[in-house]
Amino acid sequence: MRRKFKRPLGQKRYKKMFVVASEGAKTEPQYFKMLNTVSSVVHLKCLKNKHNSSPEGVLRLMKGHIKSEGLKNTDEAWLVIDRDSWTEQQINQLYSWSLQEANYNLALSNPKFEYWLLLHFENGSRVSSMNCSERLKKYLPDYNKDIQENKIKSKIPQAIERAKEKDSPECQDWPRRIGTTVYRLVEKLYADRVS
């Protein structure tokens, strides 16, 4: 009896892909790439935004990626931005985009991404835009937009819990007071790594 020969069809595609477009060209991509190592089930692709740090630039980056690469129904697209000094109209443009498809999402940190990092170490009470980075340096003395994986990765579950506590009742669009919805993306990455 003759055996059938099966030719390999190439690399096996991940079960789910998360595409993240962020304002930051350094901290956010480093953070999410760190999470990319937790599982082979999830594939995380960070789109770097080097030249246009604005909500419109992040959205343009994501739209360009989706147009050229496509997005499966099981995949998720995430825009990750800071509140900074952006207008509500600018942020609402991204939020409106996130409502267009079930797998489009927006994660915002108010005042900035460093607030999400700070929640890995403390509850983030009485934080302002001015003191957020300084408080983070208490825990990461050498912090200069570089992620220190050995000090952060093990604290991700605590950060998720602290962010959830701050986001109660859960905001439907984006946090207007001090808070972050980045935990929603990170929580999904952790949930999908074991499914």
Foldseek 3Di string as FASTA:
>chain_A
DDDDDDDDPDDDDAQEEEEEFELAQFQVVQVVVLLCPLASNYHYHYDGQDPDRFLVSSVVSQVVCCVVPNHDLRYAYEYEYAVDVDDPVSLVVQLVVQVPHVRYYYKYAVHGPLQLQVQLPDLSPPDHPVCSVVSSCVQVVPDDSHDPCVSRVVSLVSSLVSLVVVCVVPDPGYDPDGGIPVSVVVVVSVVSRVD
